[in-house]
């Protein structure tokens, strides 16, 4: 026997339930394009002995995600509710971040005019939120001497960070806050690579 509550019959209750399910299904598919950019203003000053001798040769994206996928805000069962997509392929985002980082330090050479070239492999650039927000950047950073074609330096640089998020998770989770922590991780990894004394030494700055 069907029991009606407050004048809502079984058909109307079924329709209302299906409307909620469909609404959740739509929200589960939402995707937002976001910009990840290197903040040049955060670099304190050009290095005293800086010379514009470094180019960026190539960037390889070895992640398992699609070329633009960054991360997701997830529901209680781990299902993605809001996904973040980079506004350009991740390899291009990382390339531009290193170009901006080199330029801010006075190290960026004009195309074809450098003595050294950087090659990068993107192992990770991703983020997620279930309760707390997490972001990860991991790059293999190598330097090639142009005259010899030899690799003269290589280092894995990584940044992993998390915050406690907020009670506004799931469908109420903030895409902007997840974008920001991802951007901060990218910035930190670039800084770690370019400020390393060993890197500066091989390019003749120290």
C-alpha atoms as a PDB file:
ATOM      1  CA  UNK A   1       0.000   0.000   0.000  1.00  0.00           C
ATOM      2  CA  UNK A   2       1.342   3.447  -0.960  1.00  0.00           C
ATOM      3  CA  UNK A   3       1.436   6.086   1.760  1.00  0.00           C
ATOM      4  CA  UNK A   4       1.138   9.712   0.664  1.00  0.00           C
ATOM      5  CA  UNK A   5       2.907  12.352   2.740  1.00  0.00           C
ATOM      6  CA  UNK A   6       1.565  15.887   2.969  1.00  0.00           C
ATOM      7  CA  UNK A   7      -0.464  15.526  -0.161  1.00  0.00           C
ATOM      8  CA  UNK A   8       2.395  14.318  -2.379  1.00  0.00           C
ATOM      9  CA  UNK A   9       1.342  11.176  -4.215  1.00  0.00           C
ATOM     10  CA  UNK A  10       3.635   8.326  -5.235  1.00  0.00           C
ATOM     11  CA  UNK A  11       3.979   9.510  -8.846  1.00  0.00           C
ATOM     12  CA  UNK A  12       4.981  13.025  -7.835  1.00  0.00           C
ATOM     13  CA  UNK A  13       7.425  11.664  -5.250  1.00  0.00           C
ATOM     14  CA  UNK A  14       8.957   9.412  -7.913  1.00  0.00           C
ATOM     15  CA  UNK A  15       9.308  12.345 -10.303  1.00  0.00           C
ATOM     16  CA  UNK A  16      10.920  14.485  -7.602  1.00  0.00           C
ATOM     17  CA  UNK A  17      13.368  11.710  -6.773  1.00  0.00           C
ATOM     18  CA  UNK A  18      14.305  11.268 -10.428  1.00  0.00           C
ATOM     19  CA  UNK A  19      14.812  15.018 -10.784  1.00  0.00           C
ATOM     20  CA  UNK A  20      17.312  14.932  -7.911  1.00  0.00           C
ATOM     21  CA  UNK A  21      19.138  11.975  -9.442  1.00  0.00           C
ATOM     22  CA  UNK A  22      19.360  13.732 -12.799  1.00  0.00           C
ATOM     23  CA  UNK A  23      20.592  16.931 -11.152  1.00  0.00           C
ATOM     24  CA  UNK A  24      23.326  15.015  -9.366  1.00  0.00           C
ATOM     25  CA  UNK A  25      24.240  13.315 -12.628  1.00  0.00           C
ATOM     26  CA  UNK A  26      24.668  16.677 -14.342  1.00  0.00           C
ATOM     27  CA  UNK A  27      26.803  18.018 -11.498  1.00  0.00           C
ATOM     28  CA  UNK A  28      28.975  14.895 -11.621  1.00  0.00           C
ATOM     29  CA  UNK A  29      29.858  15.737 -15.221  1.00  0.00           C
ATOM     30  CA  UNK A  30      30.730  19.410 -14.684  1.00  0.00           C
ATOM     31  CA  UNK A  31      34.153  20.453 -15.938  1.00  0.00           C
ATOM     32  CA  UNK A  32      35.887  23.817 -15.575  1.00  0.00           C
ATOM     33  CA  UNK A  33      38.811  25.161 -17.600  1.00  0.00           C
ATOM     34  CA  UNK A  34      41.346  26.843 -15.307  1.00  0.00           C
ATOM     35  CA  UNK A  35      44.532  28.856 -15.820  1.00  0.00           C
ATOM     36  CA  UNK A  36      47.774  27.854 -14.112  1.00  0.00           C
ATOM     37  CA  UNK A  37      50.391  30.594 -14.347  1.00  0.00           C
ATOM     38  CA  UNK A  38      53.806  31.330 -12.885  1.00  0.00           C
ATOM     39  CA  UNK A  39      53.872  34.461 -10.712  1.00  0.00           C
ATOM     40  CA  UNK A  40      56.984  36.332 -11.823  1.00  0.00           C
ATOM     41  CA  UNK A  41      56.411  39.016  -9.189  1.00  0.00           C
ATOM     42  CA  UNK A  42      57.108  36.440  -6.467  1.00  0.00           C
ATOM     43  CA  UNK A  43      60.763  36.223  -7.587  1.00  0.00           C
ATOM     44  CA  UNK A  44      62.635  38.653  -5.347  1.00  0.00           C
ATOM     45  CA  UNK A  45      65.247  39.868  -7.844  1.00  0.00           C
ATOM     46  CA  UNK A  46      67.335  39.009 -10.884  1.00  0.00           C
ATOM     47  CA  UNK A  47      70.387  36.957  -9.920  1.00  0.00           C
ATOM     48  CA  UNK A  48      73.515  39.167  -9.619  1.00  0.00           C
ATOM     49  CA  UNK A  49      75.551  37.071 -12.084  1.00  0.00           C
ATOM     50  CA  UNK A  50      72.631  36.126 -14.307  1.00  0.00           C
ATOM     51  CA  UNK A  51      73.192  35.738 -18.035  1.00  0.00           C
ATOM     52  CA  UNK A  52      70.477  35.011 -20.634  1.00  0.00           C
ATOM     53  CA  UNK A  53      71.941  31.654 -21.672  1.00  0.00           C
ATOM     54  CA  UNK A  54      69.130  29.131 -21.102  1.00  0.00           C
ATOM     55  CA  UNK A  55      66.383  27.966 -23.464  1.00  0.00           C
ATOM     56  CA  UNK A  56      63.571  25.475 -22.941  1.00  0.00           C
ATOM     57  CA  UNK A  57      63.956  22.692 -25.496  1.00  0.00           C
ATOM     58  CA  UNK A  58      61.088  20.301 -24.917  1.00  0.00           C
ATOM     59  CA  UNK A  59      58.488  19.123 -22.436  1.00  0.00           C
ATOM     60  CA  UNK A  60      57.086  15.589 -22.294  1.00  0.00           C
ATOM     61  CA  UNK A  61      53.861  14.828 -20.429  1.00  0.00           C
ATOM     62  CA  UNK A  62      54.200  11.291 -19.042  1.00  0.00           C
ATOM     63  CA  UNK A  63      51.129  11.460 -16.802  1.00  0.00           C
ATOM     64  CA  UNK A  64      48.296   8.971 -17.209  1.00  0.00           C
ATOM     65  CA  UNK A  65      45.698  11.748 -17.340  1.00  0.00           C
ATOM     66  CA  UNK A  66      44.486  13.375 -20.538  1.00  0.00           C
ATOM     67  CA  UNK A  67      46.606  16.232 -21.885  1.00  0.00           C
ATOM     68  CA  UNK A  68      44.585  18.869 -20.016  1.00  0.00           C
ATOM     69  CA  UNK A  69      43.208  17.021 -16.980  1.00  0.00           C
ATOM     70  CA  UNK A  70      44.346  18.525 -13.666  1.00  0.00           C
ATOM     71  CA  UNK A  71      42.123  17.106 -10.945  1.00  0.00           C
ATOM     72  CA  UNK A  72      38.715  16.772  -9.372  1.00  0.00           C
ATOM     73  CA  UNK A  73      36.545  17.546  -6.392  1.00  0.00           C
ATOM     74  CA  UNK A  74      35.073  14.215  -5.352  1.00  0.00           C
ATOM     75  CA  UNK A  75      31.928  12.994  -3.671  1.00  0.00           C
ATOM     76  CA  UNK A  76      31.665  10.731  -0.664  1.00  0.00           C
ATOM     77  CA  UNK A  77      32.310   7.589  -2.705  1.00  0.00           C
ATOM     78  CA  UNK A  78      35.342   9.095  -4.444  1.00  0.00           C
ATOM     79  CA  UNK A  79      33.393   9.838  -7.603  1.00  0.00           C
ATOM     80  CA  UNK A  80      34.449  13.019  -9.465  1.00  0.00           C
ATOM     81  CA  UNK A  81      31.818  15.751  -9.145  1.00  0.00           C
ATOM     82  CA  UNK A  82      33.728  18.753 -10.500  1.00  0.00           C
ATOM     83  CA  UNK A  83      36.743  18.256 -12.733  1.00  0.00           C
ATOM     84  CA  UNK A  84      39.479  20.779 -13.456  1.00  0.00           C
ATOM     85  CA  UNK A  85      40.952  21.002 -16.951  1.00  0.00           C
ATOM     86  CA  UNK A  86      43.917  23.195 -17.824  1.00  0.00           C
ATOM     87  CA  UNK A  87      43.092  25.837 -20.423  1.00  0.00           C
ATOM     88  CA  UNK A  88      46.038  24.524 -22.491  1.00  0.00           C
ATOM     89  CA  UNK A  89      47.833  21.158 -22.641  1.00  0.00           C
ATOM     90  CA  UNK A  90      49.724  20.555 -19.402  1.00  0.00           C
ATOM     91  CA  UNK A  91      53.067  20.284 -21.211  1.00  0.00           C
ATOM     92  CA  UNK A  92      52.514  23.807 -22.578  1.00  0.00           C
ATOM     93  CA  UNK A  93      51.493  25.103 -19.140  1.00  0.00           C
ATOM     94  CA  UNK A  94      54.690  23.714 -17.607  1.00  0.00           C
ATOM     95  CA  UNK A  95      56.815  25.024 -20.467  1.00  0.00           C
ATOM     96  CA  UNK A  96      55.425  28.532 -20.019  1.00  0.00           C
ATOM     97  CA  UNK A  97      55.959  28.384 -16.255  1.00  0.00           C
ATOM     98  CA  UNK A  98      59.652  27.576 -16.766  1.00  0.00           C
ATOM     99  CA  UNK A  99      60.005  30.264 -19.435  1.00  0.00           C
ATOM    100  CA  UNK A 100      58.536  32.816 -17.038  1.00  0.00           C
ATOM    101  CA  UNK A 101      60.700  31.569 -14.172  1.00  0.00           C
ATOM    102  CA  UNK A 102      63.881  31.827 -16.252  1.00  0.00           C
ATOM    103  CA  UNK A 103      62.906  35.277 -17.510  1.00  0.00           C
ATOM    104  CA  UNK A 104      62.209  36.553 -13.994  1.00  0.00           C
ATOM    105  CA  UNK A 105      65.744  35.507 -12.986  1.00  0.00           C
ATOM    106  CA  UNK A 106      67.448  37.028 -16.026  1.00  0.00           C
ATOM    107  CA  UNK A 107      68.397  33.577 -17.379  1.00  0.00           C
ATOM    108  CA  UNK A 108      66.144  33.227 -20.434  1.00  0.00           C
ATOM    109  CA  UNK A 109      67.898  33.308 -23.804  1.00  0.00           C
ATOM    110  CA  UNK A 110      66.271  34.240 -27.085  1.00  0.00           C
ATOM    111  CA  UNK A 111      65.243  31.173 -29.137  1.00  0.00           C
ATOM    112  CA  UNK A 112      68.359  29.623 -30.664  1.00  0.00           C
ATOM    113  CA  UNK A 113      70.728  31.964 -28.816  1.00  0.00           C
ATOM    114  CA  UNK A 114      71.294  30.026 -25.601  1.00  0.00           C
ATOM    115  CA  UNK A 115      74.255  27.955 -24.484  1.00  0.00           C
ATOM    116  CA  UNK A 116      72.070  25.526 -22.539  1.00  0.00           C
ATOM    117  CA  UNK A 117      68.702  23.925 -23.046  1.00  0.00           C
ATOM    118  CA  UNK A 118      66.253  22.560 -20.500  1.00  0.00           C
ATOM    119  CA  UNK A 119      64.341  19.358 -21.130  1.00  0.00           C
ATOM    120  CA  UNK A 120      61.420  18.475 -18.867  1.00  0.00           C
ATOM    121  CA  UNK A 121      59.327  15.409 -18.176  1.00  0.00           C
ATOM    122  CA  UNK A 122      56.047  15.988 -16.342  1.00  0.00           C
ATOM    123  CA  UNK A 123      55.512  13.034 -14.018  1.00  0.00           C
ATOM    124  CA  UNK A 124      52.750  14.709 -12.014  1.00  0.00           C
ATOM    125  CA  UNK A 125      50.692  17.875 -12.056  1.00  0.00           C
ATOM    126  CA  UNK A 126      47.406  17.040 -10.401  1.00  0.00           C
ATOM    127  CA  UNK A 127      45.088  17.802  -7.522  1.00  0.00           C
ATOM    128  CA  UNK A 128      42.072  16.388  -5.722  1.00  0.00           C
ATOM    129  CA  UNK A 129      39.657  17.119  -2.910  1.00  0.00           C
ATOM    130  CA  UNK A 130      37.616  14.632  -0.946  1.00  0.00           C
ATOM    131  CA  UNK A 131      37.776  16.388   2.408  1.00  0.00           C
ATOM    132  CA  UNK A 132      41.142  18.127   2.335  1.00  0.00           C
ATOM    133  CA  UNK A 133      42.677  19.591  -0.805  1.00  0.00           C
ATOM    134  CA  UNK A 134      45.862  18.062  -2.193  1.00  0.00           C
ATOM    135  CA  UNK A 135      48.138  19.078  -5.066  1.00  0.00           C
ATOM    136  CA  UNK A 136      51.242  17.452  -6.514  1.00  0.00           C
ATOM    137  CA  UNK A 137      53.916  18.539  -8.981  1.00  0.00           C
ATOM    138  CA  UNK A 138      56.782  16.289 -10.052  1.00  0.00           C
ATOM    139  CA  UNK A 139      59.154  17.051 -12.932  1.00  0.00           C
ATOM    140  CA  UNK A 140      62.388  15.575 -14.243  1.00  0.00           C
ATOM    141  CA  UNK A 141      64.529  18.648 -14.942  1.00  0.00           C
ATOM    142  CA  UNK A 142      67.536  18.148 -17.223  1.00  0.00           C
ATOM    143  CA  UNK A 143      70.092  20.541 -18.717  1.00  0.00           C
ATOM    144  CA  UNK A 144      71.708  19.968 -22.111  1.00  0.00           C
ATOM    145  CA  UNK A 145      74.935  21.685 -23.167  1.00  0.00           C
ATOM    146  CA  UNK A 146      74.244  22.840 -26.718  1.00  0.00           C
ATOM    147  CA  UNK A 147      77.809  22.720 -28.043  1.00  0.00           C
ATOM    148  CA  UNK A 148      78.299  19.061 -27.124  1.00  0.00           C
ATOM    149  CA  UNK A 149      74.713  17.838 -26.930  1.00  0.00           C
ATOM    150  CA  UNK A 150      75.554  16.259 -23.564  1.00  0.00           C
ATOM    151  CA  UNK A 151      73.231  16.143 -20.594  1.00  0.00           C
ATOM    152  CA  UNK A 152      75.206  17.894 -17.871  1.00  0.00           C
ATOM    153  CA  UNK A 153      72.597  17.983 -15.114  1.00  0.00           C
ATOM    154  CA  UNK A 154      69.408  16.159 -14.141  1.00  0.00           C
ATOM    155  CA  UNK A 155      67.236  16.323 -11.057  1.00  0.00           C
ATOM    156  CA  UNK A 156      63.753  15.252 -10.004  1.00  0.00           C
ATOM    157  CA  UNK A 157      61.914  18.206  -8.475  1.00  0.00           C
ATOM    158  CA  UNK A 158      58.654  17.676  -6.609  1.00  0.00           C
ATOM    159  CA  UNK A 159      56.201  19.582  -4.462  1.00  0.00           C
ATOM    160  CA  UNK A 160      53.404  17.915  -2.499  1.00  0.00           C
ATOM    161  CA  UNK A 161      51.021  19.965  -0.403  1.00  0.00           C
ATOM    162  CA  UNK A 162      47.662  19.735   1.329  1.00  0.00           C
ATOM    163  CA  UNK A 163      45.305  21.846   3.365  1.00  0.00           C
ATOM    164  CA  UNK A 164      42.354  20.899   5.492  1.00  0.00           C
ATOM    165  CA  UNK A 165      39.827  22.241   3.033  1.00  0.00           C
ATOM    166  CA  UNK A 166      36.486  23.188   4.527  1.00  0.00           C
ATOM    167  CA  UNK A 167      33.107  21.747   5.333  1.00  0.00           C
ATOM    168  CA  UNK A 168      32.070  22.785   1.816  1.00  0.00           C
ATOM    169  CA  UNK A 169      33.087  19.603   0.034  1.00  0.00           C
ATOM    170  CA  UNK A 170      31.502  17.597  -2.740  1.00  0.00           C
ATOM    171  CA  UNK A 171      29.146  19.606  -4.913  1.00  0.00           C
ATOM    172  CA  UNK A 172      29.829  22.694  -2.754  1.00  0.00           C
ATOM    173  CA  UNK A 173      33.619  22.371  -3.085  1.00  0.00           C
ATOM    174  CA  UNK A 174      35.461  25.382  -4.514  1.00  0.00           C
ATOM    175  CA  UNK A 175      37.053  24.928  -7.937  1.00  0.00           C
ATOM    176  CA  UNK A 176      39.034  28.140  -7.411  1.00  0.00           C
ATOM    177  CA  UNK A 177      40.562  26.953  -4.131  1.00  0.00           C
ATOM    178  CA  UNK A 178      41.628  23.677  -5.741  1.00  0.00           C
ATOM    179  CA  UNK A 179      43.040  25.587  -8.718  1.00  0.00           C
ATOM    180  CA  UNK A 180      44.988  27.848  -6.360  1.00  0.00           C
ATOM    181  CA  UNK A 181      46.670  25.039  -4.422  1.00  0.00           C
ATOM    182  CA  UNK A 182      47.602  23.401  -7.748  1.00  0.00           C
ATOM    183  CA  UNK A 183      49.067  26.669  -9.000  1.00  0.00           C
ATOM    184  CA  UNK A 184      51.030  27.094  -5.766  1.00  0.00           C
ATOM    185  CA  UNK A 185      52.480  23.599  -6.169  1.00  0.00           C
ATOM    186  CA  UNK A 186      53.519  24.327  -9.761  1.00  0.00           C
ATOM    187  CA  UNK A 187      55.169  27.588  -8.691  1.00  0.00           C
ATOM    188  CA  UNK A 188      57.062  25.891  -5.866  1.00  0.00           C
ATOM    189  CA  UNK A 189      58.381  23.122  -8.126  1.00  0.00           C
ATOM    190  CA  UNK A 190      59.630  25.621 -10.723  1.00  0.00           C
ATOM    191  CA  UNK A 191      61.321  27.686  -8.001  1.00  0.00           C
ATOM    192  CA  UNK A 192      62.904  24.558  -6.552  1.00  0.00           C
ATOM    193  CA  UNK A 193      64.380  23.679  -9.946  1.00  0.00           C
ATOM    194  CA  UNK A 194      65.650  27.115 -10.923  1.00  0.00           C
ATOM    195  CA  UNK A 195      66.986  28.190  -7.519  1.00  0.00           C
ATOM    196  CA  UNK A 196      69.003  25.021  -6.931  1.00  0.00           C
ATOM    197  CA  UNK A 197      72.691  25.975  -6.469  1.00  0.00           C
ATOM    198  CA  UNK A 198      73.779  22.909  -8.457  1.00  0.00           C
ATOM    199  CA  UNK A 199      71.743  24.043 -11.487  1.00  0.00           C
ATOM    200  CA  UNK A 200      73.047  27.595 -11.216  1.00  0.00           C
ATOM    201  CA  UNK A 201      76.589  26.254 -11.005  1.00  0.00           C
ATOM    202  CA  UNK A 202      76.396  24.189 -14.207  1.00  0.00           C
ATOM    203  CA  UNK A 203      75.126  27.190 -16.198  1.00  0.00           C
ATOM    204  CA  UNK A 204      77.923  29.374 -14.810  1.00  0.00           C
ATOM    205  CA  UNK A 205      75.899  31.648 -12.554  1.00  0.00           C
ATOM    206  CA  UNK A 206      77.674  30.486  -9.375  1.00  0.00           C
END
